[in-house]
Amino acid sequence: MRERILHYLEKNSRVDLKDLAVMLDVSETDIVNEIAKMEQENIICGYPTLINWENAGYEKVTALIEVRVTPQRDKGFDNVAEQIYKYPEVDAVFLISGGFDLLVTIDGETLREVSSFVTNKLSTIEGVINTKTNFILKKYKDHGNVMDNSKKDERIQVAP
C-alpha cells in the first residue's frame, strides 16, 4: 500500500484522501495514518507546487550549475554539498556521475544575480575546483508536466 500511495502523491499531492482510499480499496483512516508515518520517517519530504512562471507573467532565471569538487577524506562530497545547500538561493543539490560531481539548481530574478552567486559564493567554497553554469531558456516539461503554453487550433479547416 505504501508504494501505491507514494506513486499517487508524487503525481498529484492534492489528491483527495477519500478518493485515494477508494482507488486503493482501503479506509481513509489507513491512508491518513500511513501518510503521517511516511512524513515522520522523512519518506515524504514536502508537497511542492509546480508553477509555470512564464504563464504567470513573471520573469525568473533558473540555472543548472555543474560543480567539480575535490572529495574530502572520509567524507567524500558531503561537506561541500552541505555548504552549498545551506544557501537560501539553492533549490537543489545532487551528486552526479560524469565530468562533474555535483549539480546545483538555483533560481534568481536576473542572469547577473545568478552569476554573482556562482562567482561570489559557490566558487569560493574550499574544495570547489570549477563550475559550469547552464541557464534554462525554456521549460517544455517539468516533473512530468508539460509546460507548453501555446494553444493548438483544433478547428477543422474548411476549404473555400
N, C-alpha and C. Protein backbone atom coordinates (compact mmCIF):
# COMPACT_ATOMS: atom_id res chain seq x y z
N MET A 1 0.82 -1.19 0.00
CA MET A 1 0.00 0.00 0.00
C MET A 1 0.87 1.26 0.00
N ARG A 2 1.97 1.24 0.74
CA ARG A 2 2.83 2.41 0.88
C ARG A 2 3.34 2.89 -0.48
N GLU A 3 3.81 1.96 -1.29
CA GLU A 3 4.36 2.34 -2.60
C GLU A 3 3.27 2.93 -3.49
N ARG A 4 2.09 2.37 -3.44
CA ARG A 4 0.99 2.87 -4.27
C ARG A 4 0.59 4.29 -3.84
N ILE A 5 0.58 4.53 -2.52
CA ILE A 5 0.27 5.88 -2.02
C ILE A 5 1.32 6.86 -2.54
N LEU A 6 2.58 6.48 -2.45
CA LEU A 6 3.65 7.36 -2.90
C LEU A 6 3.54 7.69 -4.38
N HIS A 7 3.21 6.70 -5.19
CA HIS A 7 3.05 6.95 -6.62
C HIS A 7 1.92 7.94 -6.90
N TYR A 8 0.80 7.80 -6.21
CA TYR A 8 -0.32 8.73 -6.41
C TYR A 8 0.07 10.14 -5.94
N LEU A 9 0.68 10.25 -4.76
CA LEU A 9 1.04 11.56 -4.22
C LEU A 9 2.11 12.25 -5.06
N GLU A 10 3.01 11.46 -5.63
CA GLU A 10 4.06 12.05 -6.45
C GLU A 10 3.48 12.73 -7.69
N LYS A 11 2.44 12.17 -8.25
CA LYS A 11 1.80 12.74 -9.43
C LYS A 11 0.82 13.85 -9.09
N ASN A 12 0.17 13.75 -7.92
CA ASN A 12 -0.82 14.75 -7.53
C ASN A 12 -0.94 14.80 -6.01
N SER A 13 -0.18 15.71 -5.41
CA SER A 13 -0.18 15.79 -3.95
C SER A 13 -1.48 16.36 -3.39
N ARG A 14 -2.33 16.86 -4.26
CA ARG A 14 -3.61 17.41 -3.82
C ARG A 14 -4.75 16.42 -3.97
N VAL A 15 -4.44 15.17 -4.23
CA VAL A 15 -5.49 14.17 -4.37
C VAL A 15 -6.31 14.11 -3.08
N ASP A 16 -7.61 14.03 -3.21
CA ASP A 16 -8.48 13.91 -2.05
C ASP A 16 -8.23 12.56 -1.41
N LEU A 17 -8.00 12.54 -0.11
CA LEU A 17 -7.66 11.29 0.57
C LEU A 17 -8.80 10.29 0.54
N LYS A 18 -10.03 10.77 0.50
CA LYS A 18 -11.18 9.86 0.36
C LYS A 18 -11.10 9.15 -0.99
N ASP A 19 -10.81 9.91 -2.04
CA ASP A 19 -10.68 9.32 -3.37
C ASP A 19 -9.52 8.34 -3.43
N LEU A 20 -8.41 8.70 -2.79
CA LEU A 20 -7.25 7.81 -2.76
C LEU A 20 -7.59 6.50 -2.06
N ALA A 21 -8.32 6.60 -0.96
CA ALA A 21 -8.73 5.39 -0.23
C ALA A 21 -9.59 4.49 -1.11
N VAL A 22 -10.49 5.09 -1.88
CA VAL A 22 -11.35 4.31 -2.79
C VAL A 22 -10.50 3.65 -3.86
N MET A 23 -9.56 4.41 -4.46
CA MET A 23 -8.71 3.87 -5.52
C MET A 23 -7.86 2.70 -5.03
N LEU A 24 -7.43 2.78 -3.77
CA LEU A 24 -6.56 1.73 -3.23
C LEU A 24 -7.34 0.67 -2.45
N ASP A 25 -8.65 0.86 -2.34
CA ASP A 25 -9.52 -0.10 -1.65
C ASP A 25 -9.10 -0.32 -0.19
N VAL A 26 -8.84 0.80 0.50
CA VAL A 26 -8.54 0.79 1.94
C VAL A 26 -9.32 1.92 2.59
N SER A 27 -9.30 1.97 3.91
CA SER A 27 -10.04 3.04 4.60
C SER A 27 -9.26 4.35 4.54
N GLU A 28 -10.00 5.44 4.64
CA GLU A 28 -9.37 6.76 4.65
C GLU A 28 -8.45 6.90 5.86
N THR A 29 -8.83 6.31 6.99
CA THR A 29 -8.00 6.34 8.20
C THR A 29 -6.66 5.68 7.95
N ASP A 30 -6.68 4.55 7.23
CA ASP A 30 -5.42 3.86 6.91
C ASP A 30 -4.52 4.76 6.06
N ILE A 31 -5.13 5.45 5.11
CA ILE A 31 -4.36 6.36 4.25
C ILE A 31 -3.74 7.48 5.09
N VAL A 32 -4.55 8.13 5.92
CA VAL A 32 -4.08 9.24 6.76
C VAL A 32 -2.95 8.78 7.66
N ASN A 33 -3.11 7.62 8.30
CA ASN A 33 -2.08 7.09 9.21
C ASN A 33 -0.79 6.76 8.47
N GLU A 34 -0.92 6.16 7.30
CA GLU A 34 0.27 5.78 6.54
C GLU A 34 1.03 7.01 6.05
N ILE A 35 0.30 8.02 5.60
CA ILE A 35 0.95 9.26 5.17
C ILE A 35 1.65 9.93 6.35
N ALA A 36 1.02 9.97 7.50
CA ALA A 36 1.63 10.56 8.70
C ALA A 36 2.93 9.83 9.07
N LYS A 37 2.92 8.49 8.99
CA LYS A 37 4.13 7.71 9.27
C LYS A 37 5.24 8.05 8.29
N MET A 38 4.87 8.15 7.00
CA MET A 38 5.89 8.44 5.99
C MET A 38 6.45 9.85 6.13
N GLU A 39 5.64 10.79 6.60
CA GLU A 39 6.14 12.13 6.88
C GLU A 39 7.11 12.10 8.05
N GLN A 40 6.78 11.36 9.11
CA GLN A 40 7.66 11.24 10.27
C GLN A 40 8.98 10.56 9.92
N GLU A 41 8.93 9.59 9.01
CA GLU A 41 10.12 8.84 8.60
C GLU A 41 10.92 9.58 7.52
N ASN A 42 10.48 10.78 7.17
CA ASN A 42 11.12 11.59 6.15
C ASN A 42 11.15 10.90 4.78
N ILE A 43 10.16 10.07 4.53
CA ILE A 43 9.96 9.48 3.21
C ILE A 43 9.24 10.50 2.34
N ILE A 44 8.20 11.11 2.90
CA ILE A 44 7.54 12.24 2.25
C ILE A 44 8.18 13.49 2.86
N CYS A 45 8.88 14.25 2.01
CA CYS A 45 9.67 15.38 2.49
C CYS A 45 9.02 16.73 2.27
N GLY A 46 7.92 16.76 1.56
CA GLY A 46 7.24 18.03 1.30
C GLY A 46 6.23 17.86 0.18
N TYR A 47 5.50 18.93 -0.06
CA TYR A 47 4.46 18.95 -1.09
C TYR A 47 4.64 20.20 -1.93
N PRO A 48 5.64 20.23 -2.81
CA PRO A 48 5.87 21.45 -3.58
C PRO A 48 4.80 21.66 -4.66
N THR A 49 4.62 22.91 -5.02
CA THR A 49 3.70 23.28 -6.07
C THR A 49 4.51 23.64 -7.31
N LEU A 50 4.16 23.08 -8.44
CA LEU A 50 4.84 23.35 -9.70
C LEU A 50 4.15 24.54 -10.37
N ILE A 51 4.92 25.59 -10.61
CA ILE A 51 4.37 26.83 -11.16
C ILE A 51 5.00 27.13 -12.51
N ASN A 52 4.18 27.47 -13.48
CA ASN A 52 4.67 27.94 -14.77
C ASN A 52 4.78 29.46 -14.67
N TRP A 53 5.97 29.94 -14.29
CA TRP A 53 6.17 31.37 -14.05
C TRP A 53 5.95 32.20 -15.31
N GLU A 54 6.26 31.62 -16.45
CA GLU A 54 6.05 32.33 -17.72
C GLU A 54 4.56 32.64 -17.92
N ASN A 55 3.71 31.66 -17.66
CA ASN A 55 2.27 31.87 -17.79
C ASN A 55 1.74 32.84 -16.73
N ALA A 56 2.42 32.89 -15.58
CA ALA A 56 2.00 33.80 -14.51
C ALA A 56 2.45 35.23 -14.78
N GLY A 57 3.28 35.41 -15.82
CA GLY A 57 3.71 36.76 -16.19
C GLY A 57 4.92 37.25 -15.43
N TYR A 58 5.71 36.35 -14.84
CA TYR A 58 6.89 36.74 -14.09
C TYR A 58 8.15 36.22 -14.78
N GLU A 59 9.19 37.04 -14.75
CA GLU A 59 10.49 36.63 -15.27
C GLU A 59 11.24 35.92 -14.14
N LYS A 60 11.82 34.80 -14.47
CA LYS A 60 12.59 34.05 -13.49
C LYS A 60 13.72 33.36 -14.22
N VAL A 61 14.89 33.34 -13.63
CA VAL A 61 16.05 32.69 -14.22
C VAL A 61 16.38 31.46 -13.39
N THR A 62 16.45 30.32 -14.06
CA THR A 62 16.85 29.09 -13.39
C THR A 62 18.16 28.62 -13.99
N ALA A 63 19.10 28.25 -13.14
CA ALA A 63 20.40 27.78 -13.61
C ALA A 63 20.69 26.39 -13.06
N LEU A 64 21.29 25.59 -13.92
CA LEU A 64 21.82 24.29 -13.53
C LEU A 64 23.33 24.46 -13.51
N ILE A 65 23.92 24.33 -12.34
CA ILE A 65 25.35 24.59 -12.20
C ILE A 65 26.06 23.28 -11.92
N GLU A 66 26.97 22.94 -12.81
CA GLU A 66 27.78 21.74 -12.63
C GLU A 66 29.00 22.15 -11.81
N VAL A 67 29.30 21.37 -10.77
CA VAL A 67 30.39 21.72 -9.86
C VAL A 67 31.35 20.55 -9.76
N ARG A 68 32.63 20.82 -10.00
CA ARG A 68 33.67 19.81 -9.81
C ARG A 68 34.30 20.08 -8.44
N VAL A 69 34.44 19.02 -7.64
CA VAL A 69 34.85 19.14 -6.25
C VAL A 69 36.00 18.19 -5.95
N THR A 70 36.87 18.60 -5.06
CA THR A 70 37.88 17.69 -4.52
C THR A 70 37.24 16.98 -3.33
N PRO A 71 37.04 15.65 -3.42
CA PRO A 71 36.42 14.95 -2.30
C PRO A 71 37.32 14.98 -1.06
N GLN A 72 36.70 15.05 0.11
CA GLN A 72 37.45 15.09 1.36
C GLN A 72 37.60 13.68 1.92
N ARG A 73 38.72 13.43 2.53
CA ARG A 73 38.99 12.12 3.12
C ARG A 73 37.91 11.77 4.13
N ASP A 74 37.39 10.57 4.03
CA ASP A 74 36.36 10.01 4.90
C ASP A 74 35.00 10.71 4.81
N LYS A 75 34.88 11.76 4.02
CA LYS A 75 33.61 12.47 3.92
C LYS A 75 33.14 12.60 2.49
N GLY A 76 34.01 12.33 1.54
CA GLY A 76 33.64 12.41 0.14
C GLY A 76 33.18 13.81 -0.24
N PHE A 77 31.99 13.89 -0.80
CA PHE A 77 31.44 15.16 -1.29
C PHE A 77 30.45 15.78 -0.31
N ASP A 78 30.15 15.09 0.78
CA ASP A 78 29.07 15.50 1.68
C ASP A 78 29.27 16.89 2.29
N ASN A 79 30.48 17.21 2.76
CA ASN A 79 30.68 18.51 3.41
C ASN A 79 30.50 19.67 2.44
N VAL A 80 31.05 19.52 1.24
CA VAL A 80 30.90 20.59 0.26
C VAL A 80 29.43 20.72 -0.15
N ALA A 81 28.77 19.59 -0.37
CA ALA A 81 27.35 19.62 -0.73
C ALA A 81 26.54 20.32 0.36
N GLU A 82 26.85 20.04 1.61
CA GLU A 82 26.13 20.67 2.72
C GLU A 82 26.36 22.17 2.74
N GLN A 83 27.58 22.60 2.52
CA GLN A 83 27.85 24.05 2.48
C GLN A 83 27.03 24.71 1.37
N ILE A 84 26.91 24.02 0.25
CA ILE A 84 26.17 24.58 -0.88
C ILE A 84 24.68 24.63 -0.59
N TYR A 85 24.11 23.54 -0.08
CA TYR A 85 22.64 23.53 0.09
C TYR A 85 22.16 24.42 1.22
N LYS A 86 23.05 24.90 2.06
CA LYS A 86 22.65 25.82 3.12
C LYS A 86 22.34 27.23 2.61
N TYR A 87 22.80 27.56 1.41
CA TYR A 87 22.47 28.87 0.84
C TYR A 87 21.00 28.91 0.48
N PRO A 88 20.29 29.97 0.86
CA PRO A 88 18.85 30.04 0.55
C PRO A 88 18.57 30.12 -0.95
N GLU A 89 19.53 30.57 -1.74
CA GLU A 89 19.34 30.67 -3.19
C GLU A 89 19.27 29.30 -3.85
N VAL A 90 19.83 28.29 -3.17
CA VAL A 90 19.95 26.96 -3.77
C VAL A 90 18.64 26.20 -3.62
N ASP A 91 18.15 25.71 -4.76
CA ASP A 91 16.92 24.94 -4.79
C ASP A 91 17.20 23.45 -4.59
N ALA A 92 18.27 22.94 -5.22
CA ALA A 92 18.57 21.51 -5.12
C ALA A 92 20.07 21.28 -5.34
N VAL A 93 20.56 20.19 -4.74
CA VAL A 93 21.95 19.75 -4.94
C VAL A 93 21.92 18.24 -5.12
N PHE A 94 22.56 17.77 -6.20
CA PHE A 94 22.60 16.35 -6.50
C PHE A 94 24.04 15.90 -6.71
N LEU A 95 24.39 14.74 -6.20
CA LEU A 95 25.66 14.09 -6.54
C LEU A 95 25.41 13.36 -7.85
N ILE A 96 26.25 13.61 -8.86
CA ILE A 96 26.02 13.05 -10.19
C ILE A 96 27.26 12.33 -10.69
N SER A 97 27.07 11.51 -11.71
CA SER A 97 28.20 10.86 -12.38
C SER A 97 28.55 11.70 -13.60
N GLY A 98 29.73 11.45 -14.15
CA GLY A 98 30.13 12.16 -15.35
C GLY A 98 31.29 13.09 -15.08
N GLY A 99 31.39 14.14 -15.87
CA GLY A 99 32.52 15.05 -15.80
C GLY A 99 32.51 15.98 -14.60
N PHE A 100 31.37 16.13 -13.95
CA PHE A 100 31.26 16.97 -12.76
C PHE A 100 30.74 16.12 -11.62
N ASP A 101 30.85 16.63 -10.40
CA ASP A 101 30.47 15.85 -9.21
C ASP A 101 29.10 16.21 -8.67
N LEU A 102 28.79 17.50 -8.67
CA LEU A 102 27.53 17.97 -8.11
C LEU A 102 26.76 18.76 -9.17
N LEU A 103 25.45 18.68 -9.11
CA LEU A 103 24.59 19.51 -9.93
C LEU A 103 23.76 20.35 -8.96
N VAL A 104 23.87 21.67 -9.11
CA VAL A 104 23.19 22.61 -8.21
C VAL A 104 22.17 23.38 -9.04
N THR A 105 20.95 23.49 -8.56
CA THR A 105 19.96 24.32 -9.24
C THR A 105 19.62 25.51 -8.35
N ILE A 106 19.57 26.68 -8.99
CA ILE A 106 19.17 27.88 -8.26
C ILE A 106 18.23 28.70 -9.12
N ASP A 107 17.40 29.49 -8.47
CA ASP A 107 16.50 30.41 -9.14
C ASP A 107 16.89 31.82 -8.75
N GLY A 108 16.79 32.73 -9.70
CA GLY A 108 17.07 34.14 -9.44
C GLY A 108 16.19 35.00 -10.32
N GLU A 109 16.28 36.29 -10.12
CA GLU A 109 15.48 37.21 -10.92
C GLU A 109 16.19 37.63 -12.20
N THR A 110 17.54 37.61 -12.17
CA THR A 110 18.31 38.02 -13.35
C THR A 110 19.51 37.10 -13.55
N LEU A 111 20.05 37.13 -14.77
CA LEU A 111 21.27 36.38 -15.05
C LEU A 111 22.41 36.89 -14.18
N ARG A 112 22.46 38.19 -13.98
CA ARG A 112 23.53 38.79 -13.17
C ARG A 112 23.45 38.29 -11.72
N GLU A 113 22.24 38.18 -11.18
CA GLU A 113 22.07 37.69 -9.81
C GLU A 113 22.60 36.27 -9.67
N VAL A 114 22.26 35.43 -10.62
CA VAL A 114 22.71 34.04 -10.59
C VAL A 114 24.22 33.97 -10.76
N SER A 115 24.75 34.72 -11.72
CA SER A 115 26.20 34.74 -11.96
C SER A 115 26.96 35.22 -10.74
N SER A 116 26.41 36.23 -10.06
CA SER A 116 27.03 36.75 -8.85
C SER A 116 27.09 35.69 -7.76
N PHE A 117 26.01 34.91 -7.62
CA PHE A 117 26.00 33.83 -6.64
C PHE A 117 27.11 32.83 -6.94
N VAL A 118 27.24 32.44 -8.20
CA VAL A 118 28.25 31.46 -8.58
C VAL A 118 29.65 32.00 -8.30
N THR A 119 29.90 33.23 -8.70
CA THR A 119 31.22 33.83 -8.56
C THR A 119 31.59 34.12 -7.10
N ASN A 120 30.67 34.73 -6.36
CA ASN A 120 30.99 35.22 -5.02
C ASN A 120 30.75 34.22 -3.90
N LYS A 121 29.92 33.23 -4.12
CA LYS A 121 29.61 32.28 -3.06
C LYS A 121 30.05 30.87 -3.40
N LEU A 122 29.52 30.34 -4.49
CA LEU A 122 29.77 28.95 -4.83
C LEU A 122 31.24 28.68 -5.14
N SER A 123 31.84 29.50 -5.97
CA SER A 123 33.23 29.28 -6.39
C SER A 123 34.24 29.49 -5.28
N THR A 124 33.84 30.16 -4.21
CA THR A 124 34.78 30.45 -3.12
C THR A 124 34.80 29.35 -2.06
N ILE A 125 33.95 28.36 -2.16
CA ILE A 125 33.91 27.27 -1.18
C ILE A 125 35.16 26.42 -1.34
N GLU A 126 35.81 26.13 -0.22
CA GLU A 126 37.01 25.30 -0.26
C GLU A 126 36.65 23.91 -0.78
N GLY A 127 37.41 23.44 -1.74
CA GLY A 127 37.16 22.13 -2.33
C GLY A 127 36.47 22.22 -3.68
N VAL A 128 35.89 23.39 -4.01
CA VAL A 128 35.28 23.56 -5.33
C VAL A 128 36.40 23.87 -6.32
N ILE A 129 36.56 23.01 -7.31
CA ILE A 129 37.62 23.17 -8.31
C ILE A 129 37.17 24.09 -9.43
N ASN A 130 36.00 23.81 -10.01
CA ASN A 130 35.45 24.69 -11.02
C ASN A 130 33.95 24.48 -11.16
N THR A 131 33.33 25.39 -11.89
CA THR A 131 31.88 25.34 -12.09
C THR A 131 31.57 25.60 -13.56
N LYS A 132 30.41 25.14 -13.98
CA LYS A 132 29.89 25.42 -15.33
C LYS A 132 28.41 25.73 -15.16
N THR A 133 28.01 26.93 -15.54
CA THR A 133 26.63 27.37 -15.36
C THR A 133 25.85 27.22 -16.66
N ASN A 134 24.72 26.56 -16.57
CA ASN A 134 23.80 26.39 -17.70
C ASN A 134 22.48 27.04 -17.32
N PHE A 135 22.00 27.96 -18.14
CA PHE A 135 20.73 28.62 -17.86
C PHE A 135 19.60 27.93 -18.61
N ILE A 136 18.48 27.73 -17.93
CA ILE A 136 17.31 27.16 -18.59
C ILE A 136 16.64 28.29 -19.37
N LEU A 137 16.51 28.10 -20.67
CA LEU A 137 15.92 29.11 -21.52
C LEU A 137 14.41 28.92 -21.67
N LYS A 138 13.97 27.66 -21.66
CA LYS A 138 12.55 27.36 -21.78
C LYS A 138 12.31 25.99 -21.20
N LYS A 139 11.21 25.86 -20.47
CA LYS A 139 10.82 24.55 -19.94
C LYS A 139 9.73 23.97 -20.82
N TYR A 140 9.97 22.77 -21.32
CA TYR A 140 8.96 22.08 -22.11
C TYR A 140 8.17 21.10 -21.24
N LYS A 141 8.87 20.48 -20.30
CA LYS A 141 8.24 19.53 -19.39
C LYS A 141 9.00 19.59 -18.08
N ASP A 142 8.28 19.60 -16.97
CA ASP A 142 8.90 19.68 -15.65
C ASP A 142 8.14 18.80 -14.69
N HIS A 143 8.84 17.92 -14.02
CA HIS A 143 8.23 16.99 -13.07
C HIS A 143 7.06 16.23 -13.68
N GLY A 144 7.22 15.83 -14.95
CA GLY A 144 6.20 15.04 -15.61
C GLY A 144 5.05 15.86 -16.20
N ASN A 145 5.09 17.17 -16.04
CA ASN A 145 4.02 18.03 -16.53
C ASN A 145 4.50 18.83 -17.74
N VAL A 146 3.73 18.80 -18.81
CA VAL A 146 4.06 19.58 -20.00
C VAL A 146 3.81 21.05 -19.68
N MET A 147 4.80 21.88 -19.95
CA MET A 147 4.72 23.29 -19.61
C MET A 147 4.38 24.16 -20.82
N ASP A 148 4.09 23.56 -21.96
CA ASP A 148 3.79 24.29 -23.18
C ASP A 148 2.55 25.15 -22.97
N ASN A 149 2.70 26.44 -23.23
CA ASN A 149 1.56 27.33 -23.03
C ASN A 149 0.90 27.75 -24.34
N SER A 150 1.33 27.14 -25.44
CA SER A 150 0.70 27.50 -26.71
C SER A 150 -0.61 26.75 -26.86
N LYS A 151 -1.56 27.42 -27.42
CA LYS A 151 -2.87 26.82 -27.66
C LYS A 151 -2.88 26.29 -29.08
N LYS A 152 -3.23 25.05 -29.24
CA LYS A 152 -3.31 24.45 -30.56
C LYS A 152 -4.72 24.68 -31.12
N ASP A 153 -4.78 25.09 -32.37
CA ASP A 153 -6.05 25.30 -33.04
C ASP A 153 -6.59 23.95 -33.48
N GLU A 154 -7.66 23.50 -32.85
CA GLU A 154 -8.22 22.17 -33.14
C GLU A 154 -9.43 22.24 -34.04
N ARG A 155 -9.67 23.40 -34.64
CA ARG A 155 -10.79 23.54 -35.55
C ARG A 155 -10.49 22.81 -36.87
N ILE A 156 -11.49 22.33 -37.49
CA ILE A 156 -11.35 21.67 -38.78
C ILE A 156 -11.30 22.75 -39.86
N GLN A 157 -10.30 22.66 -40.72
CA GLN A 157 -10.17 23.66 -41.77
C GLN A 157 -11.20 23.37 -42.87
N VAL A 158 -11.90 24.42 -43.25
CA VAL A 158 -12.89 24.31 -44.30
C VAL A 158 -12.32 24.96 -45.55
N ALA A 159 -12.31 24.22 -46.65
CA ALA A 159 -11.77 24.76 -47.90
C ALA A 159 -12.71 25.81 -48.46
N PRO A 160 -12.15 26.89 -49.08
CA PRO A 160 -13.01 27.94 -49.65
C PRO A 160 -13.74 27.48 -50.88
